[in-house]
Amino acid sequence: EWLARITAGGSPFYADSVKGRFTISRDNAKNTVYLQMNSLKPEDTAVY
């Protein structure tokens, strides 16, 4: 299941299932993208 994406310029997009709970961000200096997940539910259990 697709959850979120972030463009090279930093524009985020979210699936409806996680909008408002998950936040995607990136640190280009570290070549790292983050997924902050809040208000987690049992149905969020998965391999990410």
ModelCIF file with pLDDT and N, C-alpha, C, O atoms, coordinates in Angstrom:
data_MODEL
#
_entry.id   MODEL 
#
_entity.id                         1 
_entity.type                       polymer 
_entity.pdbx_number_of_molecules   1 
#
_entity_poly.entity_id                      1 
_entity_poly.type                           'polypeptide(L)' 
_entity_poly.nstd_linkage                   no 
_entity_poly.nstd_monomer                   no 
_entity_poly.pdbx_seq_one_letter_code       EWLARITAGGSPFYADSVKGRFTISRDNAKNTVYLQMNSLKPEDTAVY 
_entity_poly.pdbx_seq_one_letter_code_can   EWLARITAGGSPFYADSVKGRFTISRDNAKNTVYLQMNSLKPEDTAVY 
_entity_poly.pdbx_strand_id                 A 
#
loop_
_entity_poly_seq.entity_id 
_entity_poly_seq.num 
_entity_poly_seq.mon_id 
_entity_poly_seq.hetero 
1 1  GLU n 
1 2  TRP n 
1 3  LEU n 
1 4  ALA n 
1 5  ARG n 
1 6  ILE n 
1 7  THR n 
1 8  ALA n 
1 9  GLY n 
1 10 GLY n 
1 11 SER n 
1 12 PRO n 
1 13 PHE n 
1 14 TYR n 
1 15 ALA n 
1 16 ASP n 
1 17 SER n 
1 18 VAL n 
1 19 LYS n 
1 20 GLY n 
1 21 ARG n 
1 22 PHE n 
1 23 THR n 
1 24 ILE n 
1 25 SER n 
1 26 ARG n 
1 27 ASP n 
1 28 ASN n 
1 29 ALA n 
1 30 LYS n 
1 31 ASN n 
1 32 THR n 
1 33 VAL n 
1 34 TYR n 
1 35 LEU n 
1 36 GLN n 
1 37 MET n 
1 38 ASN n 
1 39 SER n 
1 40 LEU n 
1 41 LYS n 
1 42 PRO n 
1 43 GLU n 
1 44 ASP n 
1 45 THR n 
1 46 ALA n 
1 47 VAL n 
1 48 TYR n 
#
_struct_asym.id          A 
_struct_asym.entity_id   1 
#
loop_
_ma_qa_metric.id 
_ma_qa_metric.mode 
_ma_qa_metric.name 
_ma_qa_metric.software_group_id 
_ma_qa_metric.type 
1 global pLDDT . pLDDT 
2 local  pLDDT . pLDDT 
#
_ma_qa_metric_global.metric_id      1 
_ma_qa_metric_global.metric_value   96.33 
_ma_qa_metric_global.model_id       1 
_ma_qa_metric_global.ordinal_id     1 
#
loop_
_ma_qa_metric_local.label_asym_id 
_ma_qa_metric_local.label_comp_id 
_ma_qa_metric_local.label_seq_id 
_ma_qa_metric_local.metric_id 
_ma_qa_metric_local.metric_value 
_ma_qa_metric_local.model_id 
_ma_qa_metric_local.ordinal_id 
A GLU 1  2 97.00 1 1  
A TRP 2  2 98.00 1 2  
A LEU 3  2 98.00 1 3  
A ALA 4  2 98.00 1 4  
A ARG 5  2 98.00 1 5  
A ILE 6  2 97.00 1 6  
A THR 7  2 95.00 1 7  
A ALA 8  2 92.00 1 8  
A GLY 9  2 91.00 1 9  
A GLY 10 2 92.00 1 10 
A SER 11 2 97.00 1 11 
A PRO 12 2 98.00 1 12 
A PHE 13 2 98.00 1 13 
A TYR 14 2 98.00 1 14 
A ALA 15 2 97.00 1 15 
A ASP 16 2 96.00 1 16 
A SER 17 2 92.00 1 17 
A VAL 18 2 95.00 1 18 
A LYS 19 2 96.00 1 19 
A GLY 20 2 96.00 1 20 
A ARG 21 2 97.00 1 21 
A PHE 22 2 98.00 1 22 
A THR 23 2 98.00 1 23 
A ILE 24 2 98.00 1 24 
A SER 25 2 97.00 1 25 
A ARG 26 2 96.00 1 26 
A ASP 27 2 95.00 1 27 
A ASN 28 2 92.00 1 28 
A ALA 29 2 93.00 1 29 
A LYS 30 2 95.00 1 30 
A ASN 31 2 95.00 1 31 
A THR 32 2 96.00 1 32 
A VAL 33 2 97.00 1 33 
A TYR 34 2 98.00 1 34 
A LEU 35 2 98.00 1 35 
A GLN 36 2 98.00 1 36 
A MET 37 2 98.00 1 37 
A ASN 38 2 98.00 1 38 
A SER 39 2 97.00 1 39 
A LEU 40 2 97.00 1 40 
A LYS 41 2 96.00 1 41 
A PRO 42 2 96.00 1 42 
A GLU 43 2 95.00 1 43 
A ASP 44 2 96.00 1 44 
A THR 45 2 97.00 1 45 
A ALA 46 2 98.00 1 46 
A VAL 47 2 98.00 1 47 
A TYR 48 2 98.00 1 48 
#
loop_
_atom_site.group_PDB 
_atom_site.id 
_atom_site.type_symbol 
_atom_site.label_atom_id 
_atom_site.label_alt_id 
_atom_site.label_comp_id 
_atom_site.label_asym_id 
_atom_site.label_entity_id 
_atom_site.label_seq_id 
_atom_site.pdbx_PDB_ins_code 
_atom_site.Cartn_x 
_atom_site.Cartn_y 
_atom_site.Cartn_z 
_atom_site.occupancy 
_atom_site.B_iso_or_equiv 
_atom_site.pdbx_formal_charge 
_atom_site.auth_seq_id 
_atom_site.auth_comp_id 
_atom_site.auth_asym_id 
_atom_site.auth_atom_id 
_atom_site.pdbx_PDB_model_num 
ATOM 1   N N  . GLU A 1 1  ? 0.842  -1.204 0.000  1.00 97.00 ? 1  GLU A N  1 
ATOM 2   C CA . GLU A 1 1  ? 0.000  0.000  0.000  1.00 97.00 ? 1  GLU A CA 1 
ATOM 3   C C  . GLU A 1 1  ? 0.872  1.247  0.000  1.00 97.00 ? 1  GLU A C  1 
ATOM 4   O O  . GLU A 1 1  ? 1.762  1.393  0.838  1.00 97.00 ? 1  GLU A O  1 
ATOM 5   N N  . TRP A 1 2  ? 0.611  2.145  -0.947 1.00 98.00 ? 2  TRP A N  1 
ATOM 6   C CA . TRP A 1 2  ? 1.325  3.408  -0.968 1.00 98.00 ? 2  TRP A CA 1 
ATOM 7   C C  . TRP A 1 2  ? 0.800  4.322  0.140  1.00 98.00 ? 2  TRP A C  1 
ATOM 8   O O  . TRP A 1 2  ? -0.408 4.420  0.352  1.00 98.00 ? 2  TRP A O  1 
ATOM 9   N N  . LEU A 1 3  ? 1.714  4.987  0.840  1.00 98.00 ? 3  LEU A N  1 
ATOM 10  C CA . LEU A 1 3  ? 1.335  5.850  1.955  1.00 98.00 ? 3  LEU A CA 1 
ATOM 11  C C  . LEU A 1 3  ? 1.592  7.328  1.690  1.00 98.00 ? 3  LEU A C  1 
ATOM 12  O O  . LEU A 1 3  ? 0.740  8.179  1.943  1.00 98.00 ? 3  LEU A O  1 
ATOM 13  N N  . ALA A 1 4  ? 2.783  7.613  1.178  1.00 98.00 ? 4  ALA A N  1 
ATOM 14  C CA . ALA A 1 4  ? 3.175  9.020  1.037  1.00 98.00 ? 4  ALA A CA 1 
ATOM 15  C C  . ALA A 1 4  ? 4.341  9.110  0.060  1.00 98.00 ? 4  ALA A C  1 
ATOM 16  O O  . ALA A 1 4  ? 5.064  8.141  -0.170 1.00 98.00 ? 4  ALA A O  1 
ATOM 17  N N  . ARG A 1 5  ? 4.499  10.291 -0.501 1.00 98.00 ? 5  ARG A N  1 
ATOM 18  C CA . ARG A 1 5  ? 5.675  10.549 -1.321 1.00 98.00 ? 5  ARG A CA 1 
ATOM 19  C C  . ARG A 1 5  ? 6.102  11.993 -1.112 1.00 98.00 ? 5  ARG A C  1 
ATOM 20  O O  . ARG A 1 5  ? 5.310  12.846 -0.711 1.00 98.00 ? 5  ARG A O  1 
ATOM 21  N N  . ILE A 1 6  ? 7.361  12.242 -1.393 1.00 97.00 ? 6  ILE A N  1 
ATOM 22  C CA . ILE A 1 6  ? 7.888  13.601 -1.285 1.00 97.00 ? 6  ILE A CA 1 
ATOM 23  C C  . ILE A 1 6  ? 8.792  13.837 -2.482 1.00 97.00 ? 6  ILE A C  1 
ATOM 24  O O  . ILE A 1 6  ? 9.654  13.015 -2.794 1.00 97.00 ? 6  ILE A O  1 
ATOM 25  N N  . THR A 1 7  ? 8.591  14.951 -3.142 1.00 95.00 ? 7  THR A N  1 
ATOM 26  C CA . THR A 1 7  ? 9.359  15.262 -4.338 1.00 95.00 ? 7  THR A CA 1 
ATOM 27  C C  . THR A 1 7  ? 10.748 15.776 -3.976 1.00 95.00 ? 7  THR A C  1 
ATOM 28  O O  . THR A 1 7  ? 11.041 16.030 -2.808 1.00 95.00 ? 7  THR A O  1 
ATOM 29  N N  . ALA A 1 8  ? 11.586 15.925 -4.975 1.00 92.00 ? 8  ALA A N  1 
ATOM 30  C CA . ALA A 1 8  ? 12.921 16.465 -4.732 1.00 92.00 ? 8  ALA A CA 1 
ATOM 31  C C  . ALA A 1 8  ? 12.851 17.864 -4.123 1.00 92.00 ? 8  ALA A C  1 
ATOM 32  O O  . ALA A 1 8  ? 13.716 18.263 -3.344 1.00 92.00 ? 8  ALA A O  1 
ATOM 33  N N  . GLY A 1 9  ? 11.822 18.586 -4.489 1.00 91.00 ? 9  GLY A N  1 
ATOM 34  C CA . GLY A 1 9  ? 11.662 19.926 -3.958 1.00 91.00 ? 9  GLY A CA 1 
ATOM 35  C C  . GLY A 1 9  ? 10.998 19.983 -2.593 1.00 91.00 ? 9  GLY A C  1 
ATOM 36  O O  . GLY A 1 9  ? 10.856 21.056 -2.007 1.00 91.00 ? 9  GLY A O  1 
ATOM 37  N N  . GLY A 1 10 ? 10.588 18.814 -2.085 1.00 92.00 ? 10 GLY A N  1 
ATOM 38  C CA . GLY A 1 10 ? 10.024 18.764 -0.743 1.00 92.00 ? 10 GLY A CA 1 
ATOM 39  C C  . GLY A 1 10 ? 8.508  18.814 -0.671 1.00 92.00 ? 10 GLY A C  1 
ATOM 40  O O  . GLY A 1 10 ? 7.959  18.982 0.418  1.00 92.00 ? 10 GLY A O  1 
ATOM 41  N N  . SER A 1 11 ? 7.814  18.675 -1.792 1.00 97.00 ? 11 SER A N  1 
ATOM 42  C CA . SER A 1 11 ? 6.346  18.690 -1.758 1.00 97.00 ? 11 SER A CA 1 
ATOM 43  C C  . SER A 1 11 ? 5.822  17.319 -1.337 1.00 97.00 ? 11 SER A C  1 
ATOM 44  O O  . SER A 1 11 ? 6.152  16.312 -1.963 1.00 97.00 ? 11 SER A O  1 
ATOM 45  N N  . PRO A 1 12 ? 5.008  17.273 -0.281 1.00 98.00 ? 12 PRO A N  1 
ATOM 46  C CA . PRO A 1 12 ? 4.495  15.993 0.205  1.00 98.00 ? 12 PRO A CA 1 
ATOM 47  C C  . PRO A 1 12 ? 3.104  15.671 -0.342 1.00 98.00 ? 12 PRO A C  1 
ATOM 48  O O  . PRO A 1 12 ? 2.312  16.567 -0.635 1.00 98.00 ? 12 PRO A O  1 
ATOM 49  N N  . PHE A 1 13 ? 2.833  14.398 -0.471 1.00 98.00 ? 13 PHE A N  1 
ATOM 50  C CA . PHE A 1 13 ? 1.521  13.902 -0.869 1.00 98.00 ? 13 PHE A CA 1 
ATOM 51  C C  . PHE A 1 13 ? 1.221  12.669 -0.028 1.00 98.00 ? 13 PHE A C  1 
ATOM 52  O O  . PHE A 1 13 ? 2.121  11.894 0.294  1.00 98.00 ? 13 PHE A O  1 
ATOM 53  N N  . TYR A 1 14 ? -0.065 12.489 0.329  1.00 98.00 ? 14 TYR A N  1 
ATOM 54  C CA . TYR A 1 14 ? -0.435 11.421 1.245  1.00 98.00 ? 14 TYR A CA 1 
ATOM 55  C C  . TYR A 1 14 ? -1.631 10.628 0.735  1.00 98.00 ? 14 TYR A C  1 
ATOM 56  O O  . TYR A 1 14 ? -2.503 11.148 0.038  1.00 98.00 ? 14 TYR A O  1 
ATOM 57  N N  . ALA A 1 15 ? -1.641 9.343  1.110  1.00 97.00 ? 15 ALA A N  1 
ATOM 58  C CA . ALA A 1 15 ? -2.838 8.538  0.919  1.00 97.00 ? 15 ALA A CA 1 
ATOM 59  C C  . ALA A 1 15 ? -3.871 8.961  1.952  1.00 97.00 ? 15 ALA A C  1 
ATOM 60  O O  . ALA A 1 15 ? -3.520 9.406  3.044  1.00 97.00 ? 15 ALA A O  1 
ATOM 61  N N  . ASP A 1 16 ? -5.142 8.820  1.604  1.00 96.00 ? 16 ASP A N  1 
ATOM 62  C CA . ASP A 1 16 ? -6.202 9.218  2.529  1.00 96.00 ? 16 ASP A CA 1 
ATOM 63  C C  . ASP A 1 16 ? -6.124 8.455  3.845  1.00 96.00 ? 16 ASP A C  1 
ATOM 64  O O  . ASP A 1 16 ? -6.518 8.970  4.892  1.00 96.00 ? 16 ASP A O  1 
ATOM 65  N N  . SER A 1 17 ? -5.618 7.231  3.789  1.00 92.00 ? 17 SER A N  1 
ATOM 66  C CA . SER A 1 17 ? -5.594 6.396  4.990  1.00 92.00 ? 17 SER A CA 1 
ATOM 67  C C  . SER A 1 17 ? -4.653 6.928  6.069  1.00 92.00 ? 17 SER A C  1 
ATOM 68  O O  . SER A 1 17 ? -4.785 6.562  7.237  1.00 92.00 ? 17 SER A O  1 
ATOM 69  N N  . VAL A 1 18 ? -3.706 7.787  5.691  1.00 95.00 ? 18 VAL A N  1 
ATOM 70  C CA . VAL A 1 18 ? -2.740 8.277  6.679  1.00 95.00 ? 18 VAL A CA 1 
ATOM 71  C C  . VAL A 1 18 ? -2.714 9.802  6.774  1.00 95.00 ? 18 VAL A C  1 
ATOM 72  O O  . VAL A 1 18 ? -2.004 10.361 7.610  1.00 95.00 ? 18 VAL A O  1 
ATOM 73  N N  . LYS A 1 19 ? -3.472 10.461 5.934  1.00 96.00 ? 19 LYS A N  1 
ATOM 74  C CA . LYS A 1 19 ? -3.476 11.925 5.938  1.00 96.00 ? 19 LYS A CA 1 
ATOM 75  C C  . LYS A 1 19 ? -3.900 12.449 7.298  1.00 96.00 ? 19 LYS A C  1 
ATOM 76  O O  . LYS A 1 19 ? -4.914 12.027 7.854  1.00 96.00 ? 19 LYS A O  1 
ATOM 77  N N  . GLY A 1 20 ? -3.113 13.373 7.826  1.00 96.00 ? 20 GLY A N  1 
ATOM 78  C CA . GLY A 1 20 ? -3.402 13.948 9.133  1.00 96.00 ? 20 GLY A CA 1 
ATOM 79  C C  . GLY A 1 20 ? -2.715 13.231 10.278 1.00 96.00 ? 20 GLY A C  1 
ATOM 80  O O  . GLY A 1 20 ? -2.616 13.780 11.375 1.00 96.00 ? 20 GLY A O  1 
ATOM 81  N N  . ARG A 1 21 ? -2.237 12.014 10.048 1.00 97.00 ? 21 ARG A N  1 
ATOM 82  C CA . ARG A 1 21 ? -1.531 11.259 11.099 1.00 97.00 ? 21 ARG A CA 1 
ATOM 83  C C  . ARG A 1 21 ? -0.057 11.082 10.771 1.00 97.00 ? 21 ARG A C  1 
ATOM 84  O O  . ARG A 1 21 ? 0.779  11.074 11.674 1.00 97.00 ? 21 ARG A O  1 
ATOM 85  N N  . PHE A 1 22 ? 0.272  10.941 9.502  1.00 98.00 ? 22 PHE A N  1 
ATOM 86  C CA . PHE A 1 22 ? 1.647  10.710 9.077  1.00 98.00 ? 22 PHE A CA 1 
ATOM 87  C C  . PHE A 1 22 ? 2.185  11.960 8.383  1.00 98.00 ? 22 PHE A C  1 
ATOM 88  O O  . PHE A 1 22 ? 1.457  12.666 7.685  1.00 98.00 ? 22 PHE A O  1 
ATOM 89  N N  . THR A 1 23 ? 3.479  12.216 8.592  1.00 98.00 ? 23 THR A N  1 
ATOM 90  C CA . THR A 1 23 ? 4.139  13.342 7.937  1.00 98.00 ? 23 THR A CA 1 
ATOM 91  C C  . THR A 1 23 ? 5.439  12.872 7.313  1.00 98.00 ? 23 THR A C  1 
ATOM 92  O O  . THR A 1 23 ? 6.276  12.262 7.978  1.00 98.00 ? 23 THR A O  1 
ATOM 93  N N  . ILE A 1 24 ? 5.600  13.162 6.033  1.00 98.00 ? 24 ILE A N  1 
ATOM 94  C CA . ILE A 1 24 ? 6.836  12.808 5.331  1.00 98.00 ? 24 ILE A CA 1 
ATOM 95  C C  . ILE A 1 24 ? 7.695  14.058 5.203  1.00 98.00 ? 24 ILE A C  1 
ATOM 96  O O  . ILE A 1 24 ? 7.182  15.150 4.958  1.00 98.00 ? 24 ILE A O  1 
ATOM 97  N N  . SER A 1 25 ? 8.991  13.897 5.368  1.00 97.00 ? 25 SER A N  1 
ATOM 98  C CA . SER A 1 25 ? 9.920  15.020 5.239  1.00 97.00 ? 25 SER A CA 1 
ATOM 99  C C  . SER A 1 25 ? 11.256 14.486 4.744  1.00 97.00 ? 25 SER A C  1 
ATOM 100 O O  . SER A 1 25 ? 11.493 13.278 4.741  1.00 97.00 ? 25 SER A O  1 
ATOM 101 N N  . ARG A 1 26 ? 12.118 15.393 4.329  1.00 96.00 ? 26 ARG A N  1 
ATOM 102 C CA . ARG A 1 26 ? 13.415 14.944 3.833  1.00 96.00 ? 26 ARG A CA 1 
ATOM 103 C C  . ARG A 1 26 ? 14.516 15.882 4.289  1.00 96.00 ? 26 ARG A C  1 
ATOM 104 O O  . ARG A 1 26 ? 14.302 17.082 4.462  1.00 96.00 ? 26 ARG A O  1 
ATOM 105 N N  . ASP A 1 27 ? 15.688 15.319 4.478  1.00 95.00 ? 27 ASP A N  1 
ATOM 106 C CA . ASP A 1 27 ? 16.895 16.068 4.784  1.00 95.00 ? 27 ASP A CA 1 
ATOM 107 C C  . ASP A 1 27 ? 17.885 15.750 3.676  1.00 95.00 ? 27 ASP A C  1 
ATOM 108 O O  . ASP A 1 27 ? 18.546 14.712 3.701  1.00 95.00 ? 27 ASP A O  1 
ATOM 109 N N  . ASN A 1 28 ? 17.982 16.645 2.708  1.00 92.00 ? 28 ASN A N  1 
ATOM 110 C CA . ASN A 1 28 ? 18.813 16.356 1.537  1.00 92.00 ? 28 ASN A CA 1 
ATOM 111 C C  . ASN A 1 28 ? 20.287 16.235 1.895  1.00 92.00 ? 28 ASN A C  1 
ATOM 112 O O  . ASN A 1 28 ? 21.020 15.486 1.250  1.00 92.00 ? 28 ASN A O  1 
ATOM 113 N N  . ALA A 1 29 ? 20.725 16.958 2.910  1.00 93.00 ? 29 ALA A N  1 
ATOM 114 C CA . ALA A 1 29 ? 22.136 16.885 3.307  1.00 93.00 ? 29 ALA A CA 1 
ATOM 115 C C  . ALA A 1 29 ? 22.496 15.504 3.835  1.00 93.00 ? 29 ALA A C  1 
ATOM 116 O O  . ALA A 1 29 ? 23.648 15.078 3.758  1.00 93.00 ? 29 ALA A O  1 
ATOM 117 N N  . LYS A 1 30 ? 21.496 14.809 4.374  1.00 95.00 ? 30 LYS A N  1 
ATOM 118 C CA . LYS A 1 30 ? 21.725 13.472 4.933  1.00 95.00 ? 30 LYS A CA 1 
ATOM 119 C C  . LYS A 1 30 ? 21.219 12.374 4.016  1.00 95.00 ? 30 LYS A C  1 
ATOM 120 O O  . LYS A 1 30 ? 21.294 11.195 4.365  1.00 95.00 ? 30 LYS A O  1 
ATOM 121 N N  . ASN A 1 31 ? 20.711 12.737 2.860  1.00 95.00 ? 31 ASN A N  1 
ATOM 122 C CA . ASN A 1 31 ? 20.128 11.740 1.935  1.00 95.00 ? 31 ASN A CA 1 
ATOM 123 C C  . ASN A 1 31 ? 19.099 10.872 2.655  1.00 95.00 ? 31 ASN A C  1 
ATOM 124 O O  . ASN A 1 31 ? 19.044 9.658  2.455  1.00 95.00 ? 31 ASN A O  1 
ATOM 125 N N  . THR A 1 32 ? 18.298 11.501 3.481  1.00 96.00 ? 32 THR A N  1 
ATOM 126 C CA . THR A 1 32 ? 17.352 10.773 4.327  1.00 96.00 ? 32 THR A CA 1 
ATOM 127 C C  . THR A 1 32 ? 15.952 11.351 4.199  1.00 96.00 ? 32 THR A C  1 
ATOM 128 O O  . THR A 1 32 ? 15.756 12.566 4.163  1.00 96.00 ? 32 THR A O  1 
ATOM 129 N N  . VAL A 1 33 ? 14.992 10.449 4.133  1.00 97.00 ? 33 VAL A N  1 
ATOM 130 C CA . VAL A 1 33 ? 13.577 10.807 4.160  1.00 97.00 ? 33 VAL A CA 1 
ATOM 131 C C  . VAL A 1 33 ? 12.972 10.179 5.410  1.00 97.00 ? 33 VAL A C  1 
ATOM 132 O O  . VAL A 1 33 ? 13.279 9.039  5.759  1.00 97.00 ? 33 VAL A O  1 
ATOM 133 N N  . TYR A 1 34 ? 12.121 10.929 6.068  1.00 98.00 ? 34 TYR A N  1 
ATOM 134 C CA . TYR A 1 34 ? 11.509 10.487 7.317  1.00 98.00 ? 34 TYR A CA 1 
ATOM 135 C C  . TYR A 1 34 ? 10.010 10.282 7.126  1.00 98.00 ? 34 TYR A C  1 
ATOM 136 O O  . TYR A 1 34 ? 9.384  10.896 6.263  1.00 98.00 ? 34 TYR A O  1 
ATOM 137 N N  . LEU A 1 35 ? 9.458  9.408  7.950  1.00 98.00 ? 35 LEU A N  1 
ATOM 138 C CA . LEU A 1 35 ? 8.009  9.263  8.037  1.00 98.00 ? 35 LEU A CA 1 
ATOM 139 C C  . LEU A 1 35 ? 7.648  9.312  9.518  1.00 98.00 ? 35 LEU A C  1 
ATOM 140 O O  . LEU A 1 35 ? 7.854  8.350  10.258 1.00 98.00 ? 35 LEU A O  1 
ATOM 141 N N  . GLN A 1 36 ? 7.112  10.439 9.927  1.00 98.00 ? 36 GLN A N  1 
ATOM 142 C CA . GLN A 1 36 ? 6.644  10.598 11.307 1.00 98.00 ? 36 GLN A CA 1 
ATOM 143 C C  . GLN A 1 36 ? 5.231  10.050 11.376 1.00 98.00 ? 36 GLN A C  1 
ATOM 144 O O  . GLN A 1 36 ? 4.349  10.497 10.643 1.00 98.00 ? 36 GLN A O  1 
ATOM 145 N N  . MET A 1 37 ? 5.018  9.090  12.251 1.00 98.00 ? 37 MET A N  1 
ATOM 146 C CA . MET A 1 37 ? 3.722  8.423  12.353 1.00 98.00 ? 37 MET A CA 1 
ATOM 147 C C  . MET A 1 37 ? 3.156  8.663  13.750 1.00 98.00 ? 37 MET A C  1 
ATOM 148 O O  . MET A 1 37 ? 3.749  8.254  14.748 1.00 98.00 ? 37 MET A O  1 
ATOM 149 N N  . ASN A 1 38 ? 2.022  9.318  13.811 1.00 98.00 ? 38 ASN A N  1 
ATOM 150 C CA . ASN A 1 38 ? 1.367  9.624  15.084 1.00 98.00 ? 38 ASN A CA 1 
ATOM 151 C C  . ASN A 1 38 ? 0.020  8.923  15.163 1.00 98.00 ? 38 ASN A C  1 
ATOM 152 O O  . ASN A 1 38 ? -0.515 8.458  14.157 1.00 98.00 ? 38 ASN A O  1 
ATOM 153 N N  . SER A 1 39 ? -0.514 8.856  16.365 1.00 97.00 ? 39 SER A N  1 
ATOM 154 C CA . SER A 1 39 ? -1.837 8.259  16.584 1.00 97.00 ? 39 SER A CA 1 
ATOM 155 C C  . SER A 1 39 ? -1.925 6.885  15.936 1.00 97.00 ? 39 SER A C  1 
ATOM 156 O O  . SER A 1 39 ? -2.877 6.578  15.219 1.00 97.00 ? 39 SER A O  1 
ATOM 157 N N  . LEU A 1 40 ? -0.932 6.081  16.199 1.00 97.00 ? 40 LEU A N  1 
ATOM 158 C CA . LEU A 1 40 ? -0.873 4.776  15.542 1.00 97.00 ? 40 LEU A CA 1 
ATOM 159 C C  . LEU A 1 40 ? -1.984 3.859  16.019 1.00 97.00 ? 40 LEU A C  1 
ATOM 160 O O  . LEU A 1 40 ? -2.405 3.898  17.175 1.00 97.00 ? 40 LEU A O  1 
ATOM 161 N N  . LYS A 1 41 ? -2.446 3.028  15.085 1.00 96.00 ? 41 LYS A N  1 
ATOM 162 C CA . LYS A 1 41 ? -3.536 2.099  15.333 1.00 96.00 ? 41 LYS A CA 1 
ATOM 163 C C  . LYS A 1 41 ? -3.047 0.674  15.073 1.00 96.00 ? 41 LYS A C  1 
ATOM 164 O O  . LYS A 1 41 ? -2.071 0.478  14.350 1.00 96.00 ? 41 LYS A O  1 
ATOM 165 N N  . PRO A 1 42 ? -3.711 -0.313 15.652 1.00 96.00 ? 42 PRO A N  1 
ATOM 166 C CA . PRO A 1 42 ? -3.297 -1.701 15.373 1.00 96.00 ? 42 PRO A CA 1 
ATOM 167 C C  . PRO A 1 42 ? -3.283 -2.025 13.879 1.00 96.00 ? 42 PRO A C  1 
ATOM 168 O O  . PRO A 1 42 ? -2.468 -2.826 13.421 1.00 96.00 ? 42 PRO A O  1 
ATOM 169 N N  . GLU A 1 43 ? -4.172 -1.410 13.134 1.00 95.00 ? 43 GLU A N  1 
ATOM 170 C CA . GLU A 1 43 ? -4.209 -1.682 11.687 1.00 95.00 ? 43 GLU A CA 1 
ATOM 171 C C  . GLU A 1 43 ? -3.048 -1.050 10.930 1.00 95.00 ? 43 GLU A C  1 
ATOM 172 O O  . GLU A 1 43 ? -2.905 -1.269 9.727  1.00 95.00 ? 43 GLU A O  1 
ATOM 173 N N  . ASP A 1 44 ? -2.220 -0.272 11.615 1.00 96.00 ? 44 ASP A N  1 
ATOM 174 C CA . ASP A 1 44 ? -1.002 0.255  10.997 1.00 96.00 ? 44 ASP A CA 1 
ATOM 175 C C  . ASP A 1 44 ? 0.138  -0.769 11.049 1.00 96.00 ? 44 ASP A C  1 
ATOM 176 O O  . ASP A 1 44 ? 1.209  -0.540 10.488 1.00 96.00 ? 44 ASP A O  1 
ATOM 177 N N  . THR A 1 45 ? -0.095 -1.880 11.714 1.00 97.00 ? 45 THR A N  1 
ATOM 178 C CA . THR A 1 45 ? 0.926  -2.922 11.800 1.00 97.00 ? 45 THR A CA 1 
ATOM 179 C C  . THR A 1 45 ? 1.248  -3.462 10.412 1.00 97.00 ? 45 THR A C  1 
ATOM 180 O O  . THR A 1 45 ? 0.360  -3.904 9.683  1.00 97.00 ? 45 THR A O  1 
ATOM 181 N N  . ALA A 1 46 ? 2.526  -3.421 10.059 1.00 98.00 ? 46 ALA A N  1 
ATOM 182 C CA . ALA A 1 46 ? 2.952  -3.838 8.727  1.00 98.00 ? 46 ALA A CA 1 
ATOM 183 C C  . ALA A 1 46 ? 4.473  -3.722 8.640  1.00 98.00 ? 46 ALA A C  1 
ATOM 184 O O  . ALA A 1 46 ? 5.128  -3.212 9.548  1.00 98.00 ? 46 ALA A O  1 
ATOM 185 N N  . VAL A 1 47 ? 5.010  -4.203 7.534  1.00 98.00 ? 47 VAL A N  1 
ATOM 186 C CA . VAL A 1 47 ? 6.393  -3.893 7.172  1.00 98.00 ? 47 VAL A CA 1 
ATOM 187 C C  . VAL A 1 47 ? 6.357  -2.638 6.315  1.00 98.00 ? 47 VAL A C  1 
ATOM 188 O O  . VAL A 1 47 ? 5.611  -2.561 5.339  1.00 98.00 ? 47 VAL A O  1 
ATOM 189 N N  . TYR A 1 48 ? 7.162  -1.665 6.684  1.00 98.00 ? 48 TYR A N  1 
ATOM 190 C CA . TYR A 1 48 ? 7.198  -0.386 5.992  1.00 98.00 ? 48 TYR A CA 1 
ATOM 191 C C  . TYR A 1 48 ? 8.448  -0.320 5.114  1.00 98.00 ? 48 TYR A C  1 
ATOM 192 O O  . TYR A 1 48 ? 8.675  0.683  4.437  1.00 98.00 ? 48 TYR A O  1 
#
